[in-house]
N, C-alpha and C. Protein backbone atom coordinates (compact mmCIF):
# COMPACT_ATOMS: atom_id res chain seq x y z
N UNK A 1 0.84 -1.17 0.00
CA UNK A 1 0.00 0.00 0.00
C UNK A 1 0.89 1.24 0.00
N UNK A 2 0.46 2.28 -0.68
CA UNK A 2 1.25 3.50 -0.75
C UNK A 2 0.47 4.65 -0.15
N UNK A 3 1.19 5.55 0.47
CA UNK A 3 0.61 6.75 1.02
C UNK A 3 1.19 7.93 0.26
N UNK A 4 0.34 8.70 -0.40
CA UNK A 4 0.81 9.89 -1.11
C UNK A 4 0.58 11.09 -0.23
N UNK A 5 1.48 12.06 -0.30
CA UNK A 5 1.20 13.30 0.37
C UNK A 5 1.31 14.41 -0.64
N UNK A 6 0.47 15.40 -0.45
CA UNK A 6 0.25 16.40 -1.48
C UNK A 6 0.84 17.75 -1.07
N UNK A 7 1.32 18.44 -2.08
CA UNK A 7 1.78 19.81 -1.90
C UNK A 7 0.88 20.71 -2.72
N UNK A 8 1.32 21.90 -2.92
CA UNK A 8 0.56 22.87 -3.69
C UNK A 8 0.31 22.37 -5.10
N UNK A 9 1.26 21.63 -5.65
CA UNK A 9 1.17 21.20 -7.04
C UNK A 9 0.60 19.79 -7.17
N UNK A 10 0.03 19.19 -6.11
CA UNK A 10 -0.53 17.85 -6.18
C UNK A 10 0.43 16.82 -5.63
N UNK A 11 0.08 15.54 -5.85
CA UNK A 11 0.91 14.46 -5.32
C UNK A 11 2.29 14.54 -5.94
N UNK A 12 3.30 14.57 -5.09
CA UNK A 12 4.66 14.65 -5.60
C UNK A 12 5.55 13.57 -5.06
N UNK A 13 5.13 12.94 -3.98
CA UNK A 13 5.94 11.92 -3.33
C UNK A 13 5.01 10.84 -2.80
N UNK A 14 5.57 9.69 -2.55
CA UNK A 14 4.81 8.64 -1.91
C UNK A 14 5.73 7.77 -1.08
N UNK A 15 5.17 7.12 -0.11
CA UNK A 15 5.89 6.17 0.72
C UNK A 15 5.11 4.87 0.69
N UNK A 16 5.82 3.77 0.62
CA UNK A 16 5.18 2.47 0.66
C UNK A 16 5.07 2.05 2.12
N UNK A 17 3.86 1.65 2.54
CA UNK A 17 3.66 1.22 3.93
C UNK A 17 4.16 -0.19 4.10
N UNK A 18 4.69 -0.57 5.23
CA UNK A 18 5.02 0.31 6.36
C UNK A 18 6.29 1.09 6.06
N UNK A 19 6.44 2.24 6.69
CA UNK A 19 7.64 3.04 6.50
C UNK A 19 8.16 3.51 7.84
N UNK A 20 9.45 3.82 7.84
CA UNK A 20 10.12 4.29 9.05
C UNK A 20 9.95 5.80 9.17
N UNK A 21 10.06 6.29 10.38
CA UNK A 21 9.98 7.73 10.64
C UNK A 21 11.05 8.48 9.84
N UNK A 22 12.25 7.89 9.74
CA UNK A 22 13.34 8.55 9.01
C UNK A 22 13.00 8.68 7.53
N UNK A 23 12.27 7.70 6.98
CA UNK A 23 11.86 7.79 5.57
C UNK A 23 10.86 8.92 5.38
N UNK A 24 9.92 9.06 6.32
CA UNK A 24 8.94 10.14 6.25
C UNK A 24 9.64 11.49 6.36
N UNK A 25 10.56 11.60 7.32
CA UNK A 25 11.30 12.85 7.48
C UNK A 25 12.09 13.19 6.22
N UNK A 26 12.73 12.17 5.63
CA UNK A 26 13.49 12.39 4.40
C UNK A 26 12.59 12.86 3.26
N UNK A 27 11.42 12.25 3.14
CA UNK A 27 10.49 12.64 2.08
C UNK A 27 9.99 14.07 2.29
N UNK A 28 9.73 14.43 3.54
CA UNK A 28 9.28 15.80 3.83
C UNK A 28 10.39 16.80 3.52
N UNK A 29 11.62 16.48 3.94
CA UNK A 29 12.76 17.37 3.64
C UNK A 29 12.92 17.54 2.14
N UNK A 30 12.79 16.43 1.41
CA UNK A 30 12.93 16.48 -0.04
C UNK A 30 11.85 17.37 -0.66
N UNK A 31 10.61 17.23 -0.17
CA UNK A 31 9.50 18.03 -0.69
C UNK A 31 9.73 19.51 -0.41
N UNK A 32 10.20 19.83 0.80
CA UNK A 32 10.47 21.23 1.14
C UNK A 32 11.58 21.80 0.26
N UNK A 33 12.62 20.99 0.01
CA UNK A 33 13.71 21.43 -0.87
C UNK A 33 13.18 21.66 -2.28
N UNK A 34 12.32 20.77 -2.74
CA UNK A 34 11.74 20.91 -4.09
C UNK A 34 10.95 22.21 -4.19
N UNK A 35 10.14 22.48 -3.18
CA UNK A 35 9.34 23.70 -3.21
C UNK A 35 10.22 24.94 -3.18
N UNK A 36 11.31 24.89 -2.44
CA UNK A 36 12.23 26.03 -2.39
C UNK A 36 12.83 26.27 -3.78
N UNK A 37 13.19 25.18 -4.45
CA UNK A 37 13.76 25.30 -5.80
C UNK A 37 12.72 25.84 -6.77
N UNK A 38 11.49 25.31 -6.69
CA UNK A 38 10.45 25.76 -7.60
C UNK A 38 10.07 27.22 -7.37
N UNK A 39 10.19 27.67 -6.13
CA UNK A 39 9.84 29.06 -5.82
C UNK A 39 10.93 30.03 -6.24
N UNK A 40 12.14 29.54 -6.40
CA UNK A 40 13.24 30.37 -6.85
C UNK A 40 13.27 30.38 -8.37
N UNK A 41 13.78 31.44 -8.93
CA UNK A 41 14.06 31.45 -10.36
C UNK A 41 15.34 30.65 -10.55
N UNK A 42 15.30 29.51 -11.26
CA UNK A 42 16.48 28.66 -11.33
C UNK A 42 17.68 29.32 -11.98
N UNK A 43 17.48 30.38 -12.71
CA UNK A 43 18.60 31.01 -13.41
C UNK A 43 19.07 32.30 -12.76
N UNK A 44 18.50 32.67 -11.61
CA UNK A 44 18.81 33.99 -11.05
C UNK A 44 20.25 34.12 -10.58
N UNK A 45 20.90 33.03 -10.20
CA UNK A 45 22.26 33.10 -9.70
C UNK A 45 23.31 32.94 -10.80
N UNK A 46 22.89 32.64 -12.00
CA UNK A 46 23.85 32.41 -13.08
C UNK A 46 24.27 33.74 -13.69
N UNK A 47 25.53 33.84 -14.08
CA UNK A 47 25.97 35.05 -14.77
C UNK A 47 25.15 35.24 -16.05
N UNK A 48 24.85 36.48 -16.39
CA UNK A 48 24.03 36.71 -17.58
C UNK A 48 24.80 36.45 -18.87
N UNK A 49 26.08 36.75 -18.90
CA UNK A 49 26.89 36.48 -20.09
C UNK A 49 27.90 35.39 -19.74
N UNK A 50 27.57 34.18 -20.11
CA UNK A 50 28.46 33.07 -19.77
C UNK A 50 29.03 32.47 -21.05
N UNK A 51 30.22 31.99 -20.95
CA UNK A 51 30.85 31.31 -22.07
C UNK A 51 31.55 30.08 -21.53
N UNK A 52 30.90 28.95 -21.70
CA UNK A 52 31.43 27.69 -21.20
C UNK A 52 31.81 26.83 -22.39
N UNK A 53 33.09 26.48 -22.46
CA UNK A 53 33.58 25.72 -23.60
C UNK A 53 34.05 24.32 -23.24
N UNK A 54 34.31 24.08 -21.95
CA UNK A 54 34.83 22.78 -21.53
C UNK A 54 34.00 22.24 -20.38
N UNK A 55 34.16 20.95 -20.11
CA UNK A 55 33.49 20.34 -18.97
C UNK A 55 33.99 20.99 -17.68
N UNK A 56 35.26 21.34 -17.64
CA UNK A 56 35.82 22.01 -16.47
C UNK A 56 35.10 23.35 -16.24
N UNK A 57 34.83 24.09 -17.32
CA UNK A 57 34.08 25.35 -17.19
C UNK A 57 32.68 25.10 -16.62
N UNK A 58 32.04 24.04 -17.12
CA UNK A 58 30.70 23.69 -16.63
C UNK A 58 30.76 23.31 -15.15
N UNK A 59 31.75 22.51 -14.78
CA UNK A 59 31.93 22.11 -13.39
C UNK A 59 32.10 23.33 -12.50
N UNK A 60 32.93 24.26 -12.92
CA UNK A 60 33.15 25.48 -12.13
C UNK A 60 31.88 26.31 -12.02
N UNK A 61 31.14 26.41 -13.11
CA UNK A 61 29.90 27.19 -13.10
C UNK A 61 28.89 26.59 -12.12
N UNK A 62 28.73 25.26 -12.15
CA UNK A 62 27.80 24.60 -11.23
C UNK A 62 28.29 24.77 -9.79
N UNK A 63 29.59 24.58 -9.59
CA UNK A 63 30.16 24.70 -8.25
C UNK A 63 29.97 26.12 -7.70
N UNK A 64 30.15 27.12 -8.55
CA UNK A 64 30.04 28.51 -8.12
C UNK A 64 28.60 28.98 -7.92
N UNK A 65 27.65 28.40 -8.68
CA UNK A 65 26.30 28.94 -8.70
C UNK A 65 25.21 28.00 -8.21
N UNK A 66 25.55 26.75 -7.98
CA UNK A 66 24.54 25.78 -7.54
C UNK A 66 24.29 25.84 -6.05
N UNK A 67 23.37 25.00 -5.61
CA UNK A 67 23.03 24.91 -4.19
C UNK A 67 23.88 23.81 -3.56
N UNK A 68 24.74 24.21 -2.62
CA UNK A 68 25.67 23.31 -1.95
C UNK A 68 24.99 22.69 -0.74
N UNK A 69 25.20 21.37 -0.59
CA UNK A 69 24.61 20.68 0.55
C UNK A 69 25.53 19.55 1.00
N UNK A 70 25.62 19.38 2.31
CA UNK A 70 26.45 18.30 2.88
C UNK A 70 25.54 17.19 3.40
N UNK A 71 25.94 15.95 3.13
CA UNK A 71 25.18 14.78 3.56
C UNK A 71 26.07 13.88 4.40
N UNK A 72 25.55 13.43 5.52
CA UNK A 72 26.27 12.45 6.34
C UNK A 72 26.16 11.09 5.67
N UNK A 73 27.05 10.19 6.05
CA UNK A 73 27.03 8.84 5.51
C UNK A 73 25.65 8.20 5.71
N UNK A 74 25.11 7.64 4.64
CA UNK A 74 23.81 6.98 4.70
C UNK A 74 22.62 7.88 4.44
N UNK A 75 22.85 9.19 4.33
CA UNK A 75 21.74 10.12 4.09
C UNK A 75 21.39 10.16 2.60
N UNK A 76 20.12 10.34 2.33
CA UNK A 76 19.62 10.36 0.96
C UNK A 76 19.84 11.72 0.33
N UNK A 77 20.47 11.72 -0.85
CA UNK A 77 20.65 12.95 -1.63
C UNK A 77 19.36 13.24 -2.38
N UNK A 78 18.82 12.22 -3.04
CA UNK A 78 17.49 12.31 -3.64
C UNK A 78 16.88 10.92 -3.65
N UNK A 79 15.58 10.89 -3.80
CA UNK A 79 14.87 9.62 -3.85
C UNK A 79 13.96 9.59 -5.07
N UNK A 80 13.57 8.42 -5.43
CA UNK A 80 12.67 8.22 -6.57
C UNK A 80 11.44 9.11 -6.41
N UNK A 81 11.09 9.78 -7.49
CA UNK A 81 9.89 10.62 -7.47
C UNK A 81 10.13 12.06 -7.10
N UNK A 82 11.36 12.41 -6.66
CA UNK A 82 11.63 13.80 -6.31
C UNK A 82 12.07 14.59 -7.54
N UNK A 83 11.97 15.88 -7.44
CA UNK A 83 12.28 16.80 -8.53
C UNK A 83 13.67 16.55 -9.09
N UNK A 84 13.77 16.52 -10.39
CA UNK A 84 15.01 16.16 -11.06
C UNK A 84 16.01 17.31 -11.08
N UNK A 85 17.13 17.11 -10.38
CA UNK A 85 18.26 18.03 -10.40
C UNK A 85 19.47 17.30 -10.97
N UNK A 86 20.46 18.07 -11.36
CA UNK A 86 21.76 17.52 -11.73
C UNK A 86 22.71 17.89 -10.61
N UNK A 87 23.55 16.95 -10.21
CA UNK A 87 24.44 17.16 -9.08
C UNK A 87 25.89 16.99 -9.49
N UNK A 88 26.75 17.69 -8.76
CA UNK A 88 28.19 17.57 -8.89
C UNK A 88 28.72 17.22 -7.51
N UNK A 89 29.48 16.14 -7.43
CA UNK A 89 30.11 15.77 -6.16
C UNK A 89 31.37 16.62 -6.01
N UNK A 90 31.47 17.37 -4.92
CA UNK A 90 32.69 18.14 -4.69
C UNK A 90 33.59 17.45 -3.68
N UNK A 91 33.00 16.60 -2.85
CA UNK A 91 33.77 15.87 -1.83
C UNK A 91 32.95 14.66 -1.41
N UNK A 92 33.57 13.49 -1.30
CA UNK A 92 32.89 12.31 -0.81
C UNK A 92 32.51 11.34 -1.92
N UNK A 93 31.56 10.45 -1.59
CA UNK A 93 31.14 9.40 -2.52
C UNK A 93 29.62 9.23 -2.42
N UNK A 94 28.98 9.11 -3.57
CA UNK A 94 27.53 8.90 -3.65
C UNK A 94 27.28 7.63 -4.44
N UNK A 95 26.33 6.83 -3.98
CA UNK A 95 25.90 5.68 -4.78
C UNK A 95 24.50 5.97 -5.30
N UNK A 96 24.29 5.60 -6.55
CA UNK A 96 22.96 5.68 -7.16
C UNK A 96 22.43 4.26 -7.15
N UNK A 97 21.17 4.09 -6.75
CA UNK A 97 20.64 2.74 -6.63
C UNK A 97 19.14 2.72 -6.85
N UNK A 98 18.65 1.53 -7.14
CA UNK A 98 17.23 1.28 -7.30
C UNK A 98 16.87 0.09 -6.43
N UNK A 99 15.60 -0.09 -6.19
CA UNK A 99 15.12 -1.25 -5.46
C UNK A 99 14.35 -2.13 -6.44
N UNK A 100 14.66 -3.44 -6.44
CA UNK A 100 13.90 -4.33 -7.30
C UNK A 100 12.56 -4.65 -6.63
N UNK A 101 11.73 -5.43 -7.27
CA UNK A 101 10.39 -5.68 -6.74
C UNK A 101 10.40 -6.45 -5.43
N UNK A 102 11.53 -7.07 -5.09
CA UNK A 102 11.66 -7.77 -3.81
C UNK A 102 12.28 -6.88 -2.73
N UNK A 103 12.56 -5.62 -3.06
CA UNK A 103 13.14 -4.70 -2.11
C UNK A 103 14.66 -4.77 -2.02
N UNK A 104 15.27 -5.53 -2.92
CA UNK A 104 16.73 -5.65 -2.92
C UNK A 104 17.34 -4.44 -3.61
N UNK A 105 18.39 -3.89 -2.98
CA UNK A 105 19.07 -2.72 -3.54
C UNK A 105 19.98 -3.13 -4.69
N UNK A 106 19.85 -2.44 -5.80
CA UNK A 106 20.71 -2.64 -6.96
C UNK A 106 21.49 -1.36 -7.20
N UNK A 107 22.80 -1.39 -6.98
CA UNK A 107 23.64 -0.21 -7.16
C UNK A 107 23.87 -0.02 -8.66
N UNK A 108 23.56 1.18 -9.15
CA UNK A 108 23.70 1.47 -10.58
C UNK A 108 24.79 2.48 -10.88
N UNK A 109 25.44 2.99 -9.85
CA UNK A 109 26.54 3.92 -10.09
C UNK A 109 27.19 4.38 -8.79
N UNK A 110 28.47 4.66 -8.88
CA UNK A 110 29.24 5.20 -7.76
C UNK A 110 29.91 6.48 -8.28
N UNK A 111 29.78 7.57 -7.53
CA UNK A 111 30.29 8.87 -7.97
C UNK A 111 31.16 9.48 -6.89
N UNK A 112 32.28 10.05 -7.30
CA UNK A 112 33.18 10.71 -6.36
C UNK A 112 33.47 12.13 -6.85
N UNK A 113 34.44 12.79 -6.25
CA UNK A 113 34.73 14.20 -6.54
C UNK A 113 34.82 14.46 -8.04
N UNK A 114 34.16 15.54 -8.46
CA UNK A 114 34.10 16.03 -9.83
C UNK A 114 33.25 15.17 -10.76
N UNK A 115 32.48 14.24 -10.21
CA UNK A 115 31.55 13.45 -11.02
C UNK A 115 30.18 14.11 -10.98
N UNK A 116 29.48 14.04 -12.12
CA UNK A 116 28.10 14.48 -12.21
C UNK A 116 27.20 13.26 -12.02
N UNK A 117 26.02 13.48 -11.43
CA UNK A 117 25.01 12.44 -11.38
C UNK A 117 23.64 13.09 -11.29
N UNK A 118 22.62 12.28 -11.48
CA UNK A 118 21.25 12.79 -11.36
C UNK A 118 20.70 13.39 -12.63
N UNK A 119 21.42 13.21 -13.75
CA UNK A 119 20.89 13.76 -14.99
C UNK A 119 19.52 13.17 -15.23
N UNK A 120 18.58 14.02 -15.42
CA UNK A 120 17.22 13.57 -15.70
C UNK A 120 16.74 14.19 -16.99
N UNK A 121 15.49 14.28 -17.08
CA UNK A 121 14.85 14.85 -18.25
C UNK A 121 14.94 16.38 -18.19
N UNK A 122 14.89 17.01 -19.36
CA UNK A 122 14.83 18.46 -19.41
C UNK A 122 13.37 18.93 -19.43
N UNK A 123 12.46 18.00 -19.25
CA UNK A 123 11.05 18.34 -19.16
C UNK A 123 10.82 18.99 -17.80
N UNK A 124 10.16 20.15 -17.77
CA UNK A 124 9.92 20.81 -16.48
C UNK A 124 9.22 19.89 -15.49
N UNK A 125 9.65 19.98 -14.24
CA UNK A 125 9.06 19.23 -13.12
C UNK A 125 9.16 17.72 -13.26
N UNK A 126 10.16 17.24 -14.01
CA UNK A 126 10.36 15.79 -14.10
C UNK A 126 10.98 15.31 -12.79
N UNK A 127 10.94 14.00 -12.58
CA UNK A 127 11.42 13.47 -11.32
C UNK A 127 12.44 12.36 -11.53
N UNK A 128 13.21 12.09 -10.48
CA UNK A 128 14.20 11.03 -10.51
C UNK A 128 13.50 9.67 -10.50
N UNK A 129 14.11 8.69 -11.14
CA UNK A 129 13.54 7.34 -11.16
C UNK A 129 14.36 6.38 -10.31
N UNK A 130 15.30 6.92 -9.53
CA UNK A 130 16.14 6.08 -8.69
C UNK A 130 16.46 6.84 -7.40
N UNK A 131 17.39 6.32 -6.63
CA UNK A 131 17.81 6.93 -5.37
C UNK A 131 19.28 7.27 -5.45
N UNK A 132 19.72 8.24 -4.65
CA UNK A 132 21.14 8.55 -4.50
C UNK A 132 21.39 8.75 -3.01
N UNK A 133 22.44 8.09 -2.51
CA UNK A 133 22.73 8.09 -1.08
C UNK A 133 24.22 8.34 -0.87
N UNK A 134 24.54 9.19 0.10
CA UNK A 134 25.93 9.43 0.46
C UNK A 134 26.50 8.19 1.12
N UNK A 135 27.69 7.77 0.69
CA UNK A 135 28.34 6.59 1.29
C UNK A 135 29.29 6.99 2.41
N UNK A 136 29.77 8.22 2.38
CA UNK A 136 30.59 8.82 3.42
C UNK A 136 30.11 10.27 3.53
N UNK A 137 30.68 11.06 4.42
CA UNK A 137 30.32 12.47 4.47
C UNK A 137 30.61 13.05 3.09
N UNK A 138 29.60 13.64 2.49
CA UNK A 138 29.68 14.05 1.08
C UNK A 138 29.12 15.46 0.91
N UNK A 139 29.76 16.22 0.04
CA UNK A 139 29.25 17.54 -0.34
C UNK A 139 28.90 17.49 -1.82
N UNK A 140 27.68 17.89 -2.13
CA UNK A 140 27.25 17.96 -3.52
C UNK A 140 26.71 19.36 -3.80
N UNK A 141 26.77 19.74 -5.06
CA UNK A 141 26.20 21.00 -5.52
C UNK A 141 25.17 20.63 -6.57
N UNK A 142 23.95 21.11 -6.39
CA UNK A 142 22.87 20.76 -7.31
C UNK A 142 22.35 21.97 -8.06
N UNK A 143 21.92 21.70 -9.28
CA UNK A 143 21.21 22.72 -10.07
C UNK A 143 19.99 22.06 -10.70
N UNK A 144 18.91 22.80 -10.84
CA UNK A 144 17.73 22.25 -11.49
C UNK A 144 18.02 21.87 -12.95
N UNK A 145 17.33 20.87 -13.43
CA UNK A 145 17.51 20.42 -14.82
C UNK A 145 17.29 21.57 -15.80
N UNK A 146 16.34 22.44 -15.51
CA UNK A 146 16.06 23.57 -16.40
C UNK A 146 17.24 24.53 -16.47
N UNK A 147 17.97 24.68 -15.37
CA UNK A 147 19.14 25.55 -15.36
C UNK A 147 20.23 24.95 -16.23
N UNK A 148 20.44 23.64 -16.11
CA UNK A 148 21.42 22.98 -16.97
C UNK A 148 21.02 23.13 -18.43
N UNK A 149 19.76 22.97 -18.72
CA UNK A 149 19.27 23.13 -20.09
C UNK A 149 19.59 24.54 -20.61
N UNK A 150 19.35 25.56 -19.78
CA UNK A 150 19.66 26.94 -20.19
C UNK A 150 21.14 27.13 -20.44
N UNK A 151 21.98 26.55 -19.57
CA UNK A 151 23.43 26.64 -19.77
C UNK A 151 23.84 26.03 -21.10
N UNK A 152 23.27 24.87 -21.41
CA UNK A 152 23.62 24.20 -22.66
C UNK A 152 23.09 24.96 -23.88
N UNK A 153 21.90 25.54 -23.76
CA UNK A 153 21.35 26.33 -24.87
C UNK A 153 22.20 27.56 -25.15
N UNK A 154 22.78 28.15 -24.10
CA UNK A 154 23.62 29.32 -24.25
C UNK A 154 25.03 28.97 -24.71
N UNK A 155 25.39 27.69 -24.61
CA UNK A 155 26.74 27.24 -24.93
C UNK A 155 26.68 25.97 -25.79
N UNK A 156 26.25 26.09 -27.04
CA UNK A 156 26.05 24.89 -27.87
C UNK A 156 27.33 24.08 -28.08
N UNK A 157 28.51 24.70 -28.05
CA UNK A 157 29.75 23.94 -28.20
C UNK A 157 29.95 22.96 -27.04
N UNK A 158 29.38 23.29 -25.90
CA UNK A 158 29.52 22.45 -24.73
C UNK A 158 28.68 21.17 -24.83
N UNK A 159 27.62 21.20 -25.62
CA UNK A 159 26.73 20.04 -25.72
C UNK A 159 27.49 18.80 -26.19
N UNK A 160 28.28 18.93 -27.24
CA UNK A 160 29.03 17.78 -27.75
C UNK A 160 30.06 17.30 -26.73
N UNK A 161 30.68 18.23 -26.02
CA UNK A 161 31.65 17.83 -24.99
C UNK A 161 30.96 17.09 -23.85
N UNK A 162 29.75 17.55 -23.50
CA UNK A 162 29.01 16.88 -22.44
C UNK A 162 28.56 15.48 -22.89
N UNK A 163 28.14 15.36 -24.14
CA UNK A 163 27.77 14.04 -24.66
C UNK A 163 28.97 13.10 -24.62
N UNK A 164 30.13 13.57 -25.01
CA UNK A 164 31.35 12.76 -24.97
C UNK A 164 31.66 12.37 -23.52
N UNK A 165 31.57 13.33 -22.62
CA UNK A 165 31.85 13.09 -21.21
C UNK A 165 30.89 12.03 -20.65
N UNK A 166 29.60 12.16 -20.95
CA UNK A 166 28.62 11.20 -20.47
C UNK A 166 28.82 9.83 -21.09
N UNK A 167 29.23 9.79 -22.35
CA UNK A 167 29.52 8.50 -23.00
C UNK A 167 30.66 7.79 -22.29
N UNK A 168 31.69 8.54 -21.95
CA UNK A 168 32.81 7.96 -21.21
C UNK A 168 32.35 7.47 -19.83
N UNK A 169 31.46 8.24 -19.20
CA UNK A 169 30.92 7.82 -17.90
C UNK A 169 30.12 6.53 -18.02
N UNK A 170 29.37 6.39 -19.11
CA UNK A 170 28.60 5.15 -19.32
C UNK A 170 29.53 3.96 -19.48
N UNK A 171 30.62 4.15 -20.21
CA UNK A 171 31.59 3.08 -20.37
C UNK A 171 32.20 2.71 -19.03
N UNK A 172 32.55 3.71 -18.23
CA UNK A 172 33.10 3.45 -16.89
C UNK A 172 32.07 2.77 -15.99
N UNK A 173 30.81 3.19 -16.09
CA UNK A 173 29.75 2.58 -15.27
C UNK A 173 29.58 1.11 -15.64
N UNK A 174 29.64 0.82 -16.90
CA UNK A 174 29.53 -0.57 -17.35
C UNK A 174 30.66 -1.40 -16.75
N UNK A 175 31.86 -0.86 -16.77
CA UNK A 175 33.01 -1.57 -16.18
C UNK A 175 32.80 -1.77 -14.69
N UNK A 176 32.32 -0.72 -13.99
CA UNK A 176 32.03 -0.84 -12.54
C UNK A 176 31.01 -1.92 -12.27
N UNK A 177 29.92 -1.93 -13.05
CA UNK A 177 28.86 -2.91 -12.84
C UNK A 177 29.36 -4.33 -13.09
N UNK A 178 30.20 -4.50 -14.11
CA UNK A 178 30.74 -5.82 -14.38
C UNK A 178 31.64 -6.29 -13.24
N UNK A 179 32.41 -5.38 -12.66
CA UNK A 179 33.25 -5.72 -11.52
C UNK A 179 32.42 -6.09 -10.31
N UNK A 180 31.33 -5.37 -10.08
CA UNK A 180 30.45 -5.66 -8.94
C UNK A 180 29.71 -6.98 -9.13
N UNK A 181 29.43 -7.32 -10.39
CA UNK A 181 28.72 -8.59 -10.65
C UNK A 181 29.63 -9.75 -10.37
């Protein structure tokens, strides 16, 4: 059985019963963070005239202008169904994972300093389809998907570099998954 809780924009999160108090608290914190992001103009902190030509430039821009947050080991960075952000790990390690139908955790990625994760859809108000959890004390910087989309639209040369970067990440992820198997 699932329990949905509603915000101003309708059902945005759900918990499967039974659930722990910490899961409820995490879902509430996530919802409050989502509302804060939605209430802010996602582009207000970005420089108006930006020129990003490399992944390093993009990393610096996100680091300088994104929302920085620290997570203790075991704390959830995002959960399935929450608002889709893109994250940059500045310190620590994050695992991305899903739960199979039996509740078994399946790790789908490990991210450390200078790695991006959480890429979602560029469709407004899209949500994550997996979970991300800090494995050690971790600092991440997040930006809304729409902000990343604006950065890429303003810097078309960066799009191909980002595609190449993500392709390399997929190859590395495949190698990681094969090692874990």
